[in-house]
Each structure stands twice: as C-alpha cells, then as structure tokens.
C-alpha cells in the first residue's frame, strides 16, 4: 500500500475516496502515540535538563561547584611556585568573574555540551584576561584534510574567527570523549536522554493529574432509554460544563451532577498499575549515574550502593570531581605554556578538599608511624 494514499494533500480536491478520512485519522492517532524525545543540542539539554529537571540541575551544580571550589597550585618541576602571573590569571580571569565563578560556568558548559571554549584577551604578548564562549555560539571550521582550521564565534549579529594555528595563544577547546566525533565532545546528559524525558514526563503527568481534580481520565457514556445520540449543542454544552465546573485543583472532590442517561466510566490506570513511582526513581538514578553523582547524594530513595553518606561523598570526589579538575588543569597548563614558558603546570590543592579529609588523615597517620622514613621523606610522601 502506498503511504501517499494516507496524505489528503497529495490528492486533488473533490476526489476523496470512501474510508480515506478514517485512515487519515488512524494514522494521525498512531503518530500521536509515539514517544517524543528531547534533542541533543546544547539548548535542548540545557532547557529540558538543567532548567527543568531537578535531578539534572542538582547533579550539574554539585559537580561544577565542587570542582570550582578546589584551588590550583603552580609547580615548576617538584617545587611549588608562589606569586606567579599564571596564578593571578586563574584567580581573576576577567573583570566580571572571579575564579570560582569562571570555572563553575566552564564545568557547566562541559557537562551540558561536552565542550567548553576559553578565549584569551591578549595585549602585546601577554594574556590579560580569559573569557568563556557559550558552546552553542561556536562552530568548528574543518580544513581540506579534516583537521580543525578555525573556530567561528557569533553573538549579537557579529562574528569572530579564532585560527587554530595562528601566532600566539589561540582559543582553548576543552571536550569530553566522543566515540563518533573527532572534534567535538559528548555531553553526559545525552547518554541519559531517555531517563531525562521519562522523569520530566512523570512530573508533567502529576501536574496534569492535579489540574484534572487529581483523578484519572474517564468517559461519560450516554445511554438513553429510547436510544439515539446527543445533539451537537448538547455535546458542546456538556463538554463546557465539565471543563468549567469539574477540572482544576481547586475543584478536586466536587461531586458530579449527571442528567438522565449519562453514566461515568473510569478509563485511567492507577499509578500502582503503571509502577509509576519506581519508574520515576529509576529515571532519576540513571540521570545521576550519567553525571557520576552517587544517587544517595541527591536524595534518590532505594539506593544502597554506599554504606554511608561519607563514603558516597568520597567516591564522588575521587571518581567524578578530581578527574575533571585534573584534566582541566593539564589543558590550561599546556595552553598557557606558549606565553609563560614550558615547565610550569597546575595541580589541584587536594589538602583543601573537605570531602577527602578522612583519606588525608589516614595517610598522615600511616606516614607518621613509619619510623624508617626521614622527616624529608615523610614530607615528600604527603605532597610537600
């Protein structure tokens, strides 16, 4: 059967076949029953995830705030460097943002887009400021050989091109691993796209249920003693009375007054039949899992992976926050080496992470009890 037979706009006027309107309605009903999924663009994931879903919002905030709160140290070889312009630059990247604000936004871009872009403000040969570029405003320009040639940034009707192999320091592109793209990163939330839409749909279902007097949908069946159907005026009047008199949270529990021949038949499934609550919690766990946040930390019930909150918090820092900070610090070190010279590198200050205090206490206890080590060796073993 040709699918075009179901499309009325393909047929000249006046030549509609018998049964075609029913077939068209059936096709439209089937299309409405299909699942609708959120797109994987930065804007779609930001709106449906960070701005609309509480689990995704909290997971992104937890990672970004925790990672941005860890200060960086500067080393040259094994010696720590104090009072260096590189430290001043990351402590105050620009006039509008302090270091924690800058890195919180940077990590947020990485988690929601899989990509983050840092543009330098160069005066002479010195990098004076660092600015973040929103990922959806940046497009990559490939060369004839398939390698990146430049990055185009457009905002407010104006554009700017950053050459990849230009003189001096160029645009810094941070990205997460993408198995099918050579140049762009893969956002963690895209891996939990199905769970995200399921969790949002569950919240929408609950809201619609409250708006409709907190009861499942049903049908009014007209069964007159003498047979026949409702007239068009009677049908419209009945529909208007139902919408105005019995829907909405403020009308919950109001008794329904039915005229002769009308009977109410409930047609909805109960939340228990749909396993509604467990499905919603399962979707929330999948979202937290995609970001690497233990579900216990975002208040998702039924997760006993970790013995206690402290253990879950330590795993969160070790498995999620620290790898993100270390790869970002390494990228900044290599990027700024063109200006400040090779041999300098950023390292996160692990002693300032409260979530790892138990590990730090255990390490100091073991090193302190090691009588076969000198004081210098003990200091080196704990990172000094």
Protein backbone atom coordinates (compact mmCIF):
# COMPACT_ATOMS: atom_id res chain seq x y z
CA UNK A 1 0.00 0.00 0.00
CA UNK A 2 1.35 3.43 -0.93
CA UNK A 3 1.75 5.74 2.07
CA UNK A 4 0.73 8.69 -0.09
CA UNK A 5 -2.83 7.39 -0.04
CA UNK A 6 -2.98 8.46 3.63
CA UNK A 7 -1.98 12.06 2.86
CA UNK A 8 -5.05 14.06 1.76
CA UNK A 9 -2.98 16.98 0.49
CA UNK A 10 -1.49 14.67 -2.15
CA UNK A 11 -4.90 14.10 -3.77
CA UNK A 12 -6.72 16.68 -5.91
CA UNK A 13 -9.79 18.25 -4.35
CA UNK A 14 -13.07 16.50 -4.93
CA UNK A 15 -11.53 13.03 -5.34
CA UNK A 16 -11.57 11.77 -1.74
CA UNK A 17 -12.24 8.05 -1.59
CA UNK A 18 -14.60 6.32 0.82
CA UNK A 19 -12.88 5.47 4.11
CA UNK A 20 -9.94 7.83 3.49
CA UNK A 21 -10.81 10.18 6.35
CA UNK A 22 -10.86 7.25 8.80
CA UNK A 23 -7.49 6.04 7.55
CA UNK A 24 -6.03 9.52 7.92
CA UNK A 25 -7.38 9.81 11.46
CA UNK A 26 -5.94 6.40 12.30
CA UNK A 27 -2.50 7.39 11.01
CA UNK A 28 -2.63 10.65 12.97
CA UNK A 29 -3.62 8.79 16.13
CA UNK A 30 -0.70 6.38 15.71
CA UNK A 31 1.72 9.27 15.22
CA UNK A 32 0.49 10.97 18.41
CA UNK A 33 1.19 7.78 20.35
CA UNK A 34 4.89 7.76 19.51
CA UNK A 35 7.39 8.82 22.16
CA UNK A 36 8.79 12.32 21.77
CA UNK A 37 12.47 12.69 22.69
CA UNK A 38 14.47 15.78 23.59
CA UNK A 39 17.11 16.84 21.08
CA UNK A 40 20.80 16.56 21.92
CA UNK A 41 21.74 20.14 21.19
CA UNK A 42 23.15 22.36 23.92
CA UNK A 43 19.98 24.45 24.03
CA UNK A 44 17.66 21.44 24.27
CA UNK A 45 19.65 19.71 27.01
CA UNK A 46 20.04 22.97 28.93
CA UNK A 47 16.31 23.72 28.83
CA UNK A 48 14.94 20.21 29.43
CA UNK A 49 17.75 19.18 31.79
CA UNK A 50 19.39 21.93 33.80
CA UNK A 51 16.48 24.40 33.67
CA UNK A 52 13.59 21.94 34.01
CA UNK A 53 14.74 18.74 35.71
CA UNK A 54 15.68 18.95 39.41
CA UNK A 55 17.93 15.87 39.36
CA UNK A 56 19.97 17.05 36.37
CA UNK A 57 20.09 20.59 37.78
CA UNK A 58 21.39 19.40 41.14
CA UNK A 59 23.92 17.00 39.60
CA UNK A 60 25.41 19.70 37.37
CA UNK A 61 25.51 22.20 40.23
CA UNK A 62 27.15 19.71 42.58
CA UNK A 63 29.94 18.82 40.16
CA UNK A 64 30.54 22.37 38.91
CA UNK A 65 30.53 23.97 42.37
CA UNK A 66 32.67 21.24 43.95
CA UNK A 67 35.24 21.38 41.15
CA UNK A 68 35.32 25.19 41.05
CA UNK A 69 35.89 25.38 44.83
CA UNK A 70 39.20 23.46 44.62
CA UNK A 71 42.11 25.94 44.26
CA UNK A 72 45.04 25.32 41.95
CA UNK A 73 48.72 25.27 42.84
CA UNK A 74 51.54 26.04 40.39
CA UNK A 75 54.63 23.87 40.16
CA UNK A 76 57.87 24.07 38.24
CA UNK A 77 59.37 20.62 38.40
CA UNK A 78 58.90 19.47 42.01
CA UNK A 79 58.98 22.95 43.53
CA UNK A 80 55.87 24.99 44.21
CA UNK A 81 55.79 28.46 42.64
CA UNK A 82 54.22 31.34 44.56
CA UNK A 83 53.11 34.75 43.30
CA UNK A 84 53.13 33.95 39.58
CA UNK A 85 51.04 35.72 36.86
CA UNK A 86 49.52 32.37 35.89
CA UNK A 87 48.05 32.08 39.39
CA UNK A 88 46.73 35.63 39.19
CA UNK A 89 45.12 34.87 35.83
CA UNK A 90 43.11 31.86 37.04
CA UNK A 91 42.26 33.59 40.33
CA UNK A 92 40.74 36.55 38.45
CA UNK A 93 40.18 35.56 34.80
CA UNK A 94 38.41 38.80 33.85
CA UNK A 95 36.85 41.90 35.32
CA UNK A 96 33.38 40.37 35.58
CA UNK A 97 34.16 36.95 37.02
CA UNK A 98 36.29 35.65 39.86
CA UNK A 99 38.00 32.29 39.60
CA UNK A 100 35.21 30.15 41.18
CA UNK A 101 32.53 31.80 39.04
CA UNK A 102 34.58 31.33 35.89
CA UNK A 103 35.33 27.66 36.48
CA UNK A 104 31.80 26.86 37.64
CA UNK A 105 30.49 28.14 34.29
CA UNK A 106 33.25 26.30 32.43
CA UNK A 107 32.41 22.97 34.07
CA UNK A 108 28.72 23.61 33.44
CA UNK A 109 29.42 24.05 29.73
CA UNK A 110 31.38 20.80 29.70
CA UNK A 111 28.65 18.82 31.45
CA UNK A 112 25.77 20.14 29.33
CA UNK A 113 27.52 20.41 25.97
CA UNK A 114 30.54 18.16 26.18
CA UNK A 115 32.55 21.20 25.06
CA UNK A 116 33.91 24.36 26.67
CA UNK A 117 35.70 27.24 24.95
CA UNK A 118 38.05 29.77 26.57
CA UNK A 119 39.08 32.85 24.60
CA UNK A 120 42.15 34.85 25.68
CA UNK A 121 42.40 38.63 25.72
CA UNK A 122 45.96 39.33 24.59
CA UNK A 123 47.66 42.70 24.98
CA UNK A 124 51.03 42.70 23.28
CA UNK A 125 52.34 39.25 24.05
CA UNK A 126 50.72 38.93 27.49
CA UNK A 127 47.40 37.25 28.27
CA UNK A 128 45.46 39.75 30.35
CA UNK A 129 42.04 38.11 30.63
CA UNK A 130 40.18 34.85 29.93
CA UNK A 131 36.59 34.74 28.66
CA UNK A 132 34.15 31.86 28.22
CA UNK A 133 32.30 31.39 24.93
CA UNK A 134 28.89 29.76 25.01
CA UNK A 135 29.17 26.41 23.21
CA UNK A 136 26.08 26.85 21.02
CA UNK A 137 27.58 30.03 19.57
CA UNK A 138 30.82 28.36 18.47
CA UNK A 139 31.16 26.37 15.25
CA UNK A 140 34.20 24.44 14.09
CA UNK A 141 35.66 25.00 10.61
CA UNK A 142 37.35 21.94 9.13
CA UNK A 143 40.20 22.16 6.69
CA UNK A 144 40.60 20.14 3.50
CA UNK A 145 42.48 17.47 5.45
CA UNK A 146 39.69 17.07 8.01
CA UNK A 147 41.58 18.72 10.86
CA UNK A 148 40.24 21.85 12.62
CA UNK A 149 41.17 25.00 10.76
CA UNK A 150 39.43 27.63 12.91
CA UNK A 151 36.55 28.32 15.28
CA UNK A 152 33.81 30.80 14.42
CA UNK A 153 32.01 32.60 17.25
CA UNK A 154 28.79 34.53 16.59
CA UNK A 155 26.84 36.61 19.12
CA UNK A 156 24.64 39.65 18.71
CA UNK A 157 24.81 39.54 14.93
CA UNK A 158 28.60 39.80 14.94
CA UNK A 159 31.20 37.12 14.34
CA UNK A 160 34.83 36.45 15.12
CA UNK A 161 37.19 33.75 13.87
CA UNK A 162 39.86 32.12 16.01
CA UNK A 163 42.55 30.43 13.96
CA UNK A 164 43.83 27.13 15.31
CA UNK A 165 47.43 27.54 14.10
CA UNK A 166 47.66 31.28 14.43
CA UNK A 167 50.52 33.12 16.08
CA UNK A 168 50.45 33.40 19.86
CA UNK A 169 47.89 31.78 22.14
CA UNK A 170 44.66 30.75 20.42
CA UNK A 171 41.25 29.54 21.57
CA UNK A 172 41.26 26.73 24.16
CA UNK A 173 38.80 23.94 23.37
CA UNK A 174 38.03 21.54 26.23
CA UNK A 175 35.95 18.48 25.36
CA UNK A 176 34.75 15.19 26.78
CA UNK A 177 35.31 11.93 24.95
CA UNK A 178 33.04 11.29 21.97
CA UNK A 179 33.30 7.88 20.29
CA UNK A 180 31.87 9.05 16.95
CA UNK A 181 33.17 12.61 16.59
CA UNK A 182 36.80 13.54 16.05
CA UNK A 183 36.46 17.18 17.05
CA UNK A 184 33.53 17.70 19.45
CA UNK A 185 32.74 16.26 22.86
CA UNK A 186 29.79 14.18 24.04
CA UNK A 187 27.62 15.59 26.87
CA UNK A 188 26.89 13.20 29.77
CA UNK A 189 23.22 14.20 29.84
CA UNK A 190 22.76 12.95 26.27
CA UNK A 191 23.53 9.43 27.49
CA UNK A 192 20.61 9.76 29.94
CA UNK A 193 18.28 11.37 27.41
CA UNK A 194 15.61 8.66 27.71
CA UNK A 195 15.70 8.84 31.51
CA UNK A 196 15.53 12.65 31.38
CA UNK A 197 12.41 12.65 29.22
CA UNK A 198 10.83 9.92 31.35
CA UNK A 199 11.45 11.89 34.55
CA UNK A 200 10.09 15.11 33.05
CA UNK A 201 7.06 13.29 31.63
CA UNK A 202 6.32 11.86 35.08
CA UNK A 203 6.34 15.35 36.58
CA UNK A 204 4.08 16.61 33.79
CA UNK A 205 1.72 13.67 34.42
CA UNK A 206 1.48 14.54 38.11
CA UNK A 207 0.75 18.19 37.33
CA UNK A 208 -1.92 17.27 34.78
CA UNK A 209 -3.46 14.84 37.27
CA UNK A 210 -3.79 17.62 39.86
CA UNK A 211 -5.18 20.03 37.29
CA UNK A 212 -7.86 17.47 36.44
CA UNK A 213 -9.16 17.11 40.00
CA UNK A 214 -6.49 14.54 40.92
CA UNK A 215 -8.37 11.65 39.32
CA UNK A 216 -7.63 9.58 36.20
CA UNK A 217 -9.40 10.32 32.97
CA UNK A 218 -12.73 8.66 32.17
CA UNK A 219 -15.72 8.86 29.88
CA UNK A 220 -19.31 9.99 30.15
CA UNK A 221 -21.45 7.38 28.44
CA UNK A 222 -24.84 8.45 27.09
CA UNK A 223 -27.32 5.59 27.47
CA UNK A 224 -30.85 6.92 26.96
CA UNK A 225 -33.81 4.62 27.42
CA UNK A 226 -35.18 5.41 23.97
CA UNK A 227 -31.88 5.25 22.10
CA UNK A 228 -30.29 7.99 19.98
CA UNK A 229 -27.25 10.25 20.39
CA UNK A 230 -26.55 13.66 21.85
CA UNK A 231 -27.09 16.57 19.52
CA UNK A 232 -24.19 18.87 18.69
CA UNK A 233 -25.50 21.58 21.04
CA UNK A 234 -25.96 19.11 23.89
CA UNK A 235 -22.47 17.70 23.35
CA UNK A 236 -20.79 21.14 23.37
CA UNK A 237 -22.77 22.23 26.45
CA UNK A 238 -21.78 19.09 28.34
CA UNK A 239 -18.12 19.50 27.38
CA UNK A 240 -18.11 23.15 28.51
CA UNK A 241 -19.72 22.29 31.85
CA UNK A 242 -17.11 19.62 32.54
CA UNK A 243 -14.18 21.95 31.77
CA UNK A 244 -15.58 24.88 33.78
CA UNK A 245 -17.08 23.02 36.71
CA UNK A 246 -15.01 19.94 37.41
CA UNK A 247 -11.38 20.44 36.29
CA UNK A 248 -8.63 22.13 38.26
CA UNK A 249 -7.07 21.56 41.66
CA UNK A 250 -9.48 23.95 43.43
CA UNK A 251 -12.42 21.80 42.26
CA UNK A 252 -10.98 18.50 43.45
CA UNK A 253 -13.57 16.26 45.07
CA UNK A 254 -16.58 18.21 43.79
CA UNK A 255 -19.49 15.80 43.17
CA UNK A 256 -20.55 15.44 39.56
CA UNK A 257 -24.18 16.07 38.68
CA UNK A 258 -25.28 13.88 35.77
CA UNK A 259 -28.50 14.19 33.83
CA UNK A 260 -30.66 11.25 32.81
CA UNK A 261 -28.95 8.77 30.54
CA UNK A 262 -25.37 9.77 31.50
CA UNK A 263 -23.01 7.39 33.29
CA UNK A 264 -19.34 7.94 34.30
CA UNK A 265 -16.88 5.20 33.32
CA UNK A 266 -13.31 5.48 34.63
CA UNK A 267 -10.70 4.64 31.98
CA UNK A 268 -7.37 5.60 33.61
CA UNK A 269 -4.68 3.33 35.05
CA UNK A 270 -3.65 3.83 38.65
CA UNK A 271 -0.05 4.83 39.44
CA UNK A 272 0.40 1.41 41.04
CA UNK A 273 -0.59 -0.31 37.80
CA UNK A 274 1.97 1.74 35.91
CA UNK A 275 4.68 1.19 38.56
CA UNK A 276 4.82 4.95 38.42
CA UNK A 277 6.96 5.87 41.42
CA UNK A 278 9.62 3.23 40.83
CA UNK A 279 9.90 4.20 37.17
CA UNK A 280 10.45 7.83 38.16
CA UNK A 281 13.09 6.92 40.75
CA UNK A 282 14.79 4.65 38.24
CA UNK A 283 14.97 7.51 35.74
CA UNK A 284 16.43 9.77 38.43
CA UNK A 285 19.12 7.17 39.22
CA UNK A 286 20.04 6.93 35.53
CA UNK A 287 20.43 10.71 35.30
CA UNK A 288 22.66 10.80 38.39
CA UNK A 289 24.65 7.83 37.06
CA UNK A 290 25.33 9.58 33.76
CA UNK A 291 26.91 12.51 35.61
CA UNK A 292 28.81 10.31 38.05
CA UNK A 293 26.92 11.51 41.14
CA UNK A 294 26.00 8.84 43.72
CA UNK A 295 22.18 8.79 43.91
CA UNK A 296 22.42 8.95 47.70
CA UNK A 297 23.83 12.49 47.45
CA UNK A 298 20.82 13.81 45.51
CA UNK A 299 18.24 12.18 47.78
CA UNK A 300 17.07 9.36 45.49
CA UNK A 301 15.48 6.61 47.63
CA UNK A 302 16.22 2.92 47.32
CA UNK A 303 19.95 3.19 46.54
CA UNK A 304 22.24 1.35 48.96
CA UNK A 305 25.39 1.23 46.87
CA UNK A 306 27.42 3.01 49.55
CA UNK A 307 27.45 2.19 53.26
CA UNK A 308 27.01 5.80 54.33
CA UNK A 309 26.88 9.36 53.12
CA UNK A 310 30.57 9.99 53.86
CA UNK A 311 31.66 7.09 51.68
CA UNK A 312 29.40 8.25 48.84
CA UNK A 313 30.80 11.77 49.11
CA UNK A 314 34.39 10.47 48.99
CA UNK A 315 33.59 8.37 45.90
CA UNK A 316 32.00 11.45 44.31
CA UNK A 317 35.21 13.45 44.69
CA UNK A 318 37.56 10.62 43.72
CA UNK A 319 35.68 9.32 40.69
CA UNK A 320 33.99 12.44 39.32
CA UNK A 321 35.31 15.75 40.61
CA UNK A 322 39.07 15.11 40.71
CA UNK A 323 39.40 13.63 37.20
CA UNK A 324 37.53 16.63 35.82
CA UNK A 325 39.77 19.11 37.67
CA UNK A 326 43.00 17.33 36.73
CA UNK A 327 42.24 17.16 33.02
CA UNK A 328 41.19 20.83 33.03
CA UNK A 329 44.36 21.88 34.89
CA UNK A 330 46.51 19.90 32.45
CA UNK A 331 44.80 21.57 29.47
CA UNK A 332 45.32 25.05 30.95
CA UNK A 333 48.96 24.25 31.72
CA UNK A 334 49.74 23.21 28.16
CA UNK A 335 47.73 26.06 26.68
CA UNK A 336 49.38 28.83 28.71
CA UNK A 337 52.85 27.35 28.27
CA UNK A 338 53.10 29.22 24.95
CA UNK A 339 53.04 32.51 26.86
CA UNK A 340 54.53 31.79 30.29
CA UNK A 341 57.06 29.18 29.27
CA UNK A 342 57.32 25.40 29.47
CA UNK A 343 57.88 23.57 32.71
CA UNK A 344 55.02 25.19 34.62
CA UNK A 345 51.99 23.12 35.49
CA UNK A 346 48.81 23.47 37.53
CA UNK A 347 47.88 20.92 40.19
CA UNK A 348 44.73 20.88 42.36
CA UNK A 349 45.27 21.53 46.05
CA UNK A 350 43.99 18.24 47.48
CA UNK A 351 44.51 19.42 51.05
CA UNK A 352 41.70 21.94 50.58
CA UNK A 353 39.08 19.31 49.66
CA UNK A 354 36.91 18.65 52.70
CA UNK A 355 35.42 15.51 51.16
CA UNK A 356 38.84 13.82 51.21
CA UNK A 357 39.74 14.73 54.80
CA UNK A 358 39.31 11.13 56.00
CA UNK A 359 41.73 9.85 53.37
CA UNK A 360 44.19 12.61 54.24
CA UNK A 361 44.04 11.80 57.98
CA UNK A 362 44.63 8.11 57.26
CA UNK A 363 47.61 8.92 55.03
CA UNK A 364 49.22 11.20 57.61
CA UNK A 365 48.73 8.55 60.30
CA UNK A 366 50.42 5.87 58.21
CA UNK A 367 53.30 8.14 57.20
CA UNK A 368 53.76 9.45 60.74
CA UNK A 369 54.03 5.91 62.08
CA UNK A 370 56.66 4.93 59.51
CA UNK A 371 59.81 5.13 61.62
CA UNK A 372 62.02 4.04 58.73
CA UNK A 373 61.35 7.32 56.86
CA UNK A 374 63.16 10.59 57.44
CA UNK A 375 61.29 13.83 58.01
CA UNK A 376 62.13 14.93 54.46
CA UNK A 377 60.81 11.67 53.01
CA UNK A 378 57.62 11.95 55.05
CA UNK A 379 57.00 15.48 53.77
CA UNK A 380 57.54 14.33 50.20
CA UNK A 381 55.22 11.34 50.68
CA UNK A 382 52.31 13.58 51.72
CA UNK A 383 52.89 16.05 48.88
CA UNK A 384 55.05 18.75 50.43
